[in-house]
Amino acid sequence: MLDASVSVKITGATLKFHHKMIEEIFEEPKVTEAFLTKGFKQVEEVASEIGSKQYEMVYITGSGTSYHAGLAAQYAVSALTRRITSLIPASEFASWIPSKPTRKSLLIAVSQSGESSDVLAAAKGAQSKGIDVLAVTNTEGSSLMKMAQYAVLTKAGKELAITATKSHIAQLMALFSLSAQLAEKEETGRSDGARLKRQLFNAPKIIRETIDSVNAPVKQLADRYSHQNFFFLLGSGPNYSTALEGALKLKEACNIFAEGFASREFLHGPIQLVDQKTSLFFLLTEDQVENALQEIKSVRRFGASVFSVFDRKNGQLKEASSELIRVPSGFPKVFSSLIYIIPLQLFAYYSSVARGLNPDKPEKLTKVVK
């Protein structure tokens, strides 16, 4: 089931795409470049205002893909600044926040459209309790942006596929830029905010290298495992959010069972479901490989296929895994979800096509939930 093909010129070559989802994945380097050139100044201004207000508590909210971007942001803000952070799903926000907050608080509300009814309700609820709102949205003039005290536009451009990809990358760029800017202003000694900020400016290049290096092998992998309908995705630290988002993409685009877990939490019950009918993605940074090897060997003994995503050569990991997907190295671990999500987006796209589905238009989903 293929749509009319779309031609896009990238790095001197004209590529033809049959769906908006893959076209928008290939636009991700351009999207991050657009944010850095057109949106970073806005982040600097917002970070300066937030810093002057001395918020003690930062809540983060969103739904679906935006919630996963919020989880990545919580990790970054917690790791790089002194601020206490709490991530709450937008639909649950009103039930979870204190009726009378005792700390000076800020809500970072993340929504691609700025029109999600759950996110809007969360923002209104926050403001009714004296909590200021920072909108992170792709849509200028949206309802969320109009009600917020602060706003950061992600500059992703219009996204036509229901399965969000480039808007997620743009959200991560905006949120990571904000966390680096806040870290630089705090000068806590816990991180080098200025260095991290400089490294974020390498993101468009590294994202392009990632797409170029993993696109073909991931397509082959998706074709080879197109019969498989049960997937688990395991990530830790910054890539716990990546595991959740990758699983969501598989559910949306492929209409299959996929679930993301924090790596070690998978051992506390869900591993019971592993057999020869399941495949697992392990999302690993350098410091996580040694601990993961035993877990990989365990699930392989139960007959499962294992796809390890890693940013270096590693003979032990390659031998233990069914497949090793290498992403470029050298990007800060705290921001690594920007890179690690890309092979999962591509796998979801090619798996959908291999199953005869249209990844742009999952039949039960809409772009904005109201």
Protein backbone atom coordinates (compact mmCIF):
# COMPACT_ATOMS: atom_id res chain seq x y z
CA MET A 1 0.00 0.00 0.00
CA LEU A 2 2.19 2.84 -1.28
CA ASP A 3 1.36 6.52 -1.61
CA ALA A 4 2.57 8.59 -4.54
CA SER A 5 6.35 8.94 -4.18
CA VAL A 6 7.91 12.18 -3.00
CA SER A 7 11.31 13.39 -4.18
CA VAL A 8 13.61 15.21 -1.77
CA LYS A 9 17.13 16.45 -2.41
CA ILE A 10 19.49 15.59 0.45
CA THR A 11 23.28 16.06 0.47
CA GLY A 12 23.38 16.41 -3.28
CA ALA A 13 21.32 13.32 -4.10
CA THR A 14 17.65 13.17 -4.96
CA LEU A 15 15.86 10.51 -2.94
CA LYS A 16 12.35 9.25 -3.65
CA PHE A 17 10.12 8.50 -0.69
CA HIS A 18 6.86 6.59 -0.81
CA HIS A 19 5.54 7.84 2.52
CA LYS A 20 5.63 11.01 4.56
CA MET A 21 6.96 9.15 7.59
CA ILE A 22 10.27 8.22 5.94
CA GLU A 23 10.52 11.61 4.26
CA GLU A 24 10.14 13.29 7.66
CA ILE A 25 12.77 11.03 9.26
CA PHE A 26 15.20 12.11 6.54
CA GLU A 27 14.31 15.74 7.29
CA GLU A 28 15.55 15.45 10.88
CA PRO A 29 19.03 16.93 10.22
CA LYS A 30 17.38 19.93 8.57
CA VAL A 31 14.89 20.25 11.42
CA THR A 32 17.60 20.34 14.08
CA GLU A 33 19.60 22.83 12.04
CA ALA A 34 16.51 25.04 11.76
CA PHE A 35 16.03 24.99 15.51
CA LEU A 36 19.64 25.86 16.23
CA THR A 37 19.66 28.75 13.77
CA LYS A 38 16.15 30.10 14.38
CA GLY A 39 15.08 28.88 17.81
CA PHE A 40 18.12 28.77 20.07
CA LYS A 41 17.99 32.49 20.84
CA GLN A 42 14.46 31.96 22.17
CA VAL A 43 15.80 29.24 24.48
CA GLU A 44 18.47 31.60 25.79
CA GLU A 45 15.87 34.26 26.55
CA VAL A 46 13.50 31.80 28.24
CA ALA A 47 16.31 30.25 30.30
CA SER A 48 17.34 33.70 31.46
CA GLU A 49 13.78 34.49 32.58
CA ILE A 50 13.37 31.12 34.29
CA GLY A 51 16.69 31.58 36.05
CA SER A 52 15.67 34.97 37.37
CA LYS A 53 12.44 33.54 38.83
CA GLN A 54 14.34 30.87 40.79
CA TYR A 55 11.78 28.10 40.40
CA GLU A 56 12.41 25.34 42.94
CA MET A 57 10.20 22.70 41.32
CA VAL A 58 9.81 21.85 37.64
CA TYR A 59 6.89 19.74 36.50
CA ILE A 60 6.91 18.33 32.96
CA THR A 61 3.87 17.04 31.10
CA GLY A 62 2.81 15.76 27.69
CA SER A 63 1.01 12.88 26.02
CA GLY A 64 2.31 10.05 23.84
CA THR A 65 5.44 11.05 21.95
CA SER A 66 5.53 14.41 23.74
CA TYR A 67 5.45 12.61 27.10
CA HIS A 68 8.48 10.59 26.05
CA ALA A 69 10.30 13.80 25.08
CA GLY A 70 9.38 15.08 28.53
CA LEU A 71 10.92 12.00 30.14
CA ALA A 72 14.18 12.62 28.27
CA ALA A 73 14.01 16.23 29.45
CA GLN A 74 13.47 15.17 33.05
CA TYR A 75 16.63 13.08 32.88
CA ALA A 76 18.62 15.98 31.41
CA VAL A 77 17.33 18.67 33.78
CA SER A 78 17.83 16.40 36.80
CA ALA A 79 21.34 15.44 35.70
CA LEU A 80 22.52 18.92 34.79
CA THR A 81 20.83 21.30 37.25
CA ARG A 82 19.84 21.56 40.90
CA ARG A 83 16.14 21.68 40.10
CA ILE A 84 13.74 19.02 41.37
CA THR A 85 11.76 17.65 38.44
CA SER A 86 8.61 15.56 38.18
CA LEU A 87 7.13 14.12 35.00
CA ILE A 88 3.37 13.51 35.00
CA PRO A 89 1.22 12.38 32.03
CA ALA A 90 -1.02 15.22 30.92
CA SER A 91 -4.19 13.20 31.47
CA GLU A 92 -3.13 12.53 35.08
CA PHE A 93 -1.68 15.93 35.91
CA ALA A 94 -4.63 17.39 37.82
CA SER A 95 -4.85 14.30 40.04
CA TRP A 96 -1.18 14.25 40.97
CA ILE A 97 -0.08 17.80 41.70
CA PRO A 98 -0.54 19.21 45.20
CA SER A 99 -3.71 21.21 45.79
CA LYS A 100 -1.56 23.93 47.33
CA PRO A 101 2.04 23.79 45.99
CA THR A 102 4.52 24.89 48.65
CA ARG A 103 7.41 25.44 46.25
CA LYS A 104 7.66 28.03 43.51
CA SER A 105 6.90 25.84 40.50
CA LEU A 106 7.08 25.79 36.72
CA LEU A 107 5.27 23.43 34.34
CA ILE A 108 6.97 22.56 31.04
CA ALA A 109 4.05 21.53 28.81
CA VAL A 110 5.10 19.70 25.64
CA SER A 111 2.73 19.41 22.67
CA GLN A 112 3.52 19.29 18.97
CA SER A 113 0.21 20.86 17.99
CA GLY A 114 -0.34 22.96 21.08
CA GLU A 115 -3.99 21.84 20.88
CA SER A 116 -4.01 18.52 22.77
CA SER A 117 -6.96 18.68 25.14
CA ASP A 118 -5.12 16.79 27.88
CA VAL A 119 -2.09 19.09 27.75
CA LEU A 120 -4.28 22.19 27.67
CA ALA A 121 -6.20 20.92 30.70
CA ALA A 122 -2.92 20.26 32.53
CA ALA A 123 -1.69 23.78 31.76
CA LYS A 124 -4.95 25.35 32.93
CA GLY A 125 -4.89 23.27 36.10
CA ALA A 126 -1.33 24.33 36.81
CA GLN A 127 -2.10 28.00 36.36
CA SER A 128 -5.13 27.73 38.65
CA LYS A 129 -2.71 26.67 41.39
CA GLY A 130 -0.21 29.45 40.77
CA ILE A 131 2.18 27.41 38.63
CA ASP A 132 3.68 29.19 35.62
CA VAL A 133 3.72 27.41 32.25
CA LEU A 134 6.43 27.05 29.62
CA ALA A 135 4.97 25.81 26.32
CA VAL A 136 7.24 23.71 24.08
CA THR A 137 5.31 23.43 20.83
CA ASN A 138 5.72 23.29 17.08
CA THR A 139 2.74 25.54 16.41
CA GLU A 140 3.00 29.30 16.70
CA GLY A 141 -0.23 30.89 17.88
CA SER A 142 -1.57 27.60 19.28
CA SER A 143 -3.87 27.57 22.30
CA LEU A 144 -1.05 26.30 24.51
CA MET A 145 1.33 29.02 23.39
CA LYS A 146 -1.27 31.74 23.97
CA MET A 147 -1.95 30.70 27.56
CA ALA A 148 1.67 30.12 28.61
CA GLN A 149 3.93 32.60 30.39
CA TYR A 150 6.89 31.38 28.31
CA ALA A 151 7.17 29.57 24.97
CA VAL A 152 9.78 27.77 22.90
CA LEU A 153 8.94 26.91 19.29
CA THR A 154 10.53 23.69 18.02
CA LYS A 155 10.71 24.80 14.36
CA ALA A 156 9.97 21.32 12.96
CA GLY A 157 7.74 22.52 10.12
CA LYS A 158 4.49 20.81 9.26
CA GLU A 159 4.41 17.10 10.04
CA LEU A 160 1.96 15.15 7.89
CA ALA A 161 2.49 11.56 9.04
CA ILE A 162 0.40 10.68 12.09
CA THR A 163 3.39 8.69 13.37
CA ALA A 164 5.46 11.55 14.78
CA THR A 165 9.19 11.45 14.06
CA LYS A 166 10.78 14.77 13.15
CA SER A 167 8.62 16.64 15.67
CA HIS A 168 9.96 14.35 18.41
CA ILE A 169 13.55 15.10 17.40
CA ALA A 170 12.73 18.83 17.40
CA GLN A 171 11.19 18.56 20.88
CA LEU A 172 14.32 16.82 22.16
CA MET A 173 16.53 19.52 20.65
CA ALA A 174 14.49 22.28 22.29
CA LEU A 175 14.38 20.57 25.69
CA PHE A 176 18.05 19.59 25.66
CA SER A 177 19.05 23.11 24.62
CA LEU A 178 17.04 24.47 27.53
CA SER A 179 18.65 22.04 30.00
CA ALA A 180 22.17 22.91 28.77
CA GLN A 181 21.42 26.63 28.98
CA LEU A 182 20.06 26.28 32.52
CA ALA A 183 23.14 24.24 33.49
CA GLU A 184 25.46 26.91 32.12
CA LYS A 185 23.66 29.63 34.09
CA GLU A 186 23.70 27.67 37.34
CA GLU A 187 27.41 26.83 37.20
CA THR A 188 26.78 24.00 39.64
CA GLY A 189 29.99 22.16 38.88
CA ARG A 190 27.91 19.07 38.04
CA SER A 191 28.33 19.65 34.33
CA ASP A 192 29.92 21.89 31.77
CA GLY A 193 26.84 23.59 30.33
CA ALA A 194 28.81 25.62 27.80
CA ARG A 195 30.58 22.50 26.47
CA LEU A 196 27.33 20.57 26.23
CA LYS A 197 25.72 23.46 24.40
CA ARG A 198 28.53 23.47 21.84
CA GLN A 199 28.12 19.73 21.34
CA LEU A 200 24.41 20.16 20.67
CA PHE A 201 25.36 22.28 17.67
CA ASN A 202 26.93 19.12 16.18
CA ALA A 203 23.56 17.33 16.32
CA PRO A 204 22.49 17.96 12.68
CA LYS A 205 25.74 16.43 11.40
CA ILE A 206 25.57 13.41 13.73
CA ILE A 207 21.89 12.82 12.96
CA ARG A 208 22.70 12.84 9.24
CA GLU A 209 25.56 10.37 9.82
CA THR A 210 23.22 8.15 11.85
CA ILE A 211 20.55 8.03 9.14
CA ASP A 212 23.15 7.36 6.45
CA SER A 213 24.85 4.57 8.40
CA VAL A 214 21.83 2.67 9.78
CA ASN A 215 19.18 3.12 7.09
CA ALA A 216 20.14 0.18 4.85
CA PRO A 217 20.93 -2.38 7.59
CA VAL A 218 17.80 -1.46 9.54
CA LYS A 219 15.66 -1.92 6.42
CA GLN A 220 17.16 -5.39 5.92
CA LEU A 221 16.49 -6.20 9.56
CA ALA A 222 12.88 -5.03 9.35
CA ASP A 223 12.29 -7.11 6.22
CA ARG A 224 13.86 -10.19 7.80
CA TYR A 225 11.75 -9.94 10.95
CA SER A 226 8.48 -8.81 9.38
CA HIS A 227 6.86 -12.02 10.65
CA GLN A 228 7.60 -11.05 14.26
CA ASN A 229 4.74 -9.53 16.27
CA PHE A 230 6.15 -9.27 19.81
CA PHE A 231 8.88 -6.78 20.64
CA PHE A 232 10.44 -5.53 23.86
CA LEU A 233 12.69 -2.48 23.90
CA LEU A 234 15.04 -2.01 26.84
CA GLY A 235 16.90 1.17 27.71
CA SER A 236 18.43 2.75 30.78
CA GLY A 237 19.20 6.30 31.90
CA PRO A 238 18.67 8.69 28.98
CA ASN A 239 17.45 5.87 26.75
CA TYR A 240 14.64 4.61 28.95
CA SER A 241 12.57 7.28 27.17
CA THR A 242 13.93 6.02 23.84
CA ALA A 243 12.69 2.50 24.61
CA LEU A 244 9.19 3.82 25.35
CA GLU A 245 9.09 5.97 22.21
CA GLY A 246 10.45 3.19 19.99
CA ALA A 247 7.76 0.83 21.28
CA LEU A 248 5.09 3.45 20.58
CA LYS A 249 6.29 3.81 16.99
CA LEU A 250 6.02 0.05 16.47
CA LYS A 251 2.49 0.01 17.90
CA GLU A 252 1.38 2.95 15.77
CA ALA A 253 3.02 2.06 12.46
CA CYS A 254 2.94 -1.75 12.58
CA ASN A 255 -0.14 -2.58 14.67
CA ILE A 256 1.86 -5.08 16.74
CA PHE A 257 2.61 -5.66 20.42
CA ALA A 258 5.66 -3.69 21.56
CA GLU A 259 6.59 -2.57 25.05
CA GLY A 260 9.44 -0.46 26.41
CA PHE A 261 11.07 -1.04 29.80
CA ALA A 262 13.90 0.22 31.93
CA SER A 263 16.51 -2.47 31.30
CA ARG A 264 16.80 -4.02 34.75
CA GLU A 265 13.07 -3.67 35.46
CA PHE A 266 12.46 -6.13 32.65
CA LEU A 267 13.89 -8.85 34.88
CA HIS A 268 11.20 -8.22 37.51
CA GLY A 269 8.43 -10.17 35.82
CA PRO A 270 8.17 -9.30 32.09
CA ILE A 271 11.07 -11.61 31.16
CA GLN A 272 8.58 -14.45 31.74
CA LEU A 273 7.05 -13.54 28.34
CA VAL A 274 10.27 -14.09 26.36
CA ASP A 275 10.48 -17.01 23.94
CA GLN A 276 11.35 -17.72 20.31
CA LYS A 277 8.41 -15.57 19.18
CA THR A 278 9.85 -12.39 20.71
CA SER A 279 12.54 -9.93 19.68
CA LEU A 280 14.31 -7.47 21.96
CA PHE A 281 16.12 -4.21 21.32
CA PHE A 282 18.85 -3.31 23.82
CA LEU A 283 19.79 0.39 23.73
CA LEU A 284 23.27 0.63 25.22
CA THR A 285 25.81 3.31 26.01
CA GLU A 286 29.41 2.40 26.77
CA ASP A 287 29.01 2.16 30.53
CA GLN A 288 26.00 -0.18 30.22
CA VAL A 289 27.41 -2.97 28.04
CA GLU A 290 29.07 -5.08 30.73
CA ASN A 291 25.90 -5.37 32.81
CA ALA A 292 23.74 -5.97 29.72
CA LEU A 293 25.74 -8.90 28.37
CA GLN A 294 24.39 -11.37 30.94
CA GLU A 295 20.83 -10.19 30.35
CA ILE A 296 21.28 -10.60 26.58
CA LYS A 297 22.64 -14.11 27.01
CA SER A 298 19.68 -14.99 29.24
CA VAL A 299 17.01 -13.96 26.74
CA ARG A 300 18.92 -15.61 23.89
CA ARG A 301 18.77 -18.90 25.82
CA PHE A 302 14.98 -18.57 25.78
CA GLY A 303 15.07 -18.38 21.97
CA ALA A 304 14.56 -14.62 21.54
CA SER A 305 16.27 -12.51 18.90
CA VAL A 306 18.32 -9.59 20.23
CA PHE A 307 19.16 -6.37 18.37
CA SER A 308 21.73 -4.29 20.23
CA VAL A 309 22.05 -0.60 19.45
CA PHE A 310 25.50 0.69 20.43
CA ASP A 311 27.91 3.43 19.42
CA ARG A 312 31.17 1.44 19.31
CA LYS A 313 32.67 -1.80 18.07
CA ASN A 314 32.42 -4.51 20.69
CA GLY A 315 33.25 -8.13 19.94
CA GLN A 316 31.48 -9.54 23.00
CA LEU A 317 28.30 -7.61 22.30
CA LYS A 318 28.33 -8.59 18.63
CA GLU A 319 28.77 -12.26 19.51
CA ALA A 320 26.03 -12.20 22.16
CA SER A 321 23.47 -10.40 19.98
CA SER A 322 21.59 -11.55 16.92
CA GLU A 323 22.32 -8.18 15.30
CA LEU A 324 24.43 -5.15 16.26
CA ILE A 325 23.25 -1.76 15.01
CA ARG A 326 26.03 0.82 15.29
CA VAL A 327 25.25 4.50 15.72
CA PRO A 328 27.91 7.25 15.65
CA SER A 329 29.91 7.80 18.83
CA GLY A 330 31.04 10.98 20.54
CA PHE A 331 27.69 12.58 21.37
CA PRO A 332 27.04 13.35 25.08
CA LYS A 333 25.35 10.48 26.87
CA VAL A 334 22.82 12.80 28.51
CA PHE A 335 21.51 13.74 25.04
CA SER A 336 21.99 10.33 23.38
CA SER A 337 18.26 9.72 22.87
CA LEU A 338 18.53 12.16 19.93
CA ILE A 339 20.65 9.54 18.16
CA TYR A 340 19.35 6.23 19.52
CA ILE A 341 15.74 6.89 18.53
CA ILE A 342 16.60 7.10 14.83
CA PRO A 343 17.18 3.37 14.12
CA LEU A 344 13.94 2.63 15.98
CA GLN A 345 11.98 5.14 13.87
CA LEU A 346 13.44 3.59 10.73
CA PHE A 347 12.73 0.06 11.93
CA ALA A 348 9.11 0.96 12.62
CA TYR A 349 8.74 2.51 9.18
CA TYR A 350 10.28 -0.35 7.20
CA SER A 351 8.46 -2.95 9.33
CA SER A 352 5.17 -1.25 8.54
CA VAL A 353 5.85 -1.26 4.80
CA ALA A 354 7.02 -4.89 4.90
CA ARG A 355 3.67 -5.81 6.48
CA GLY A 356 1.72 -4.05 3.72
CA LEU A 357 0.54 -1.19 5.96
CA ASN A 358 0.48 2.57 5.48
CA PRO A 359 2.65 4.04 8.29
CA ASP A 360 1.40 7.56 7.59
CA LYS A 361 -2.22 6.78 8.48
CA PRO A 362 -2.81 4.24 11.25
CA GLU A 363 -6.54 3.63 10.98
CA LYS A 364 -7.46 4.21 14.63
CA LEU A 365 -5.31 7.30 15.27
CA THR A 366 -5.53 11.03 14.63
CA LYS A 367 -2.80 13.67 14.70
CA VAL A 368 -4.31 15.64 17.57
CA VAL A 369 -6.27 14.07 20.45
CA LYS A 370 -9.07 16.34 21.63
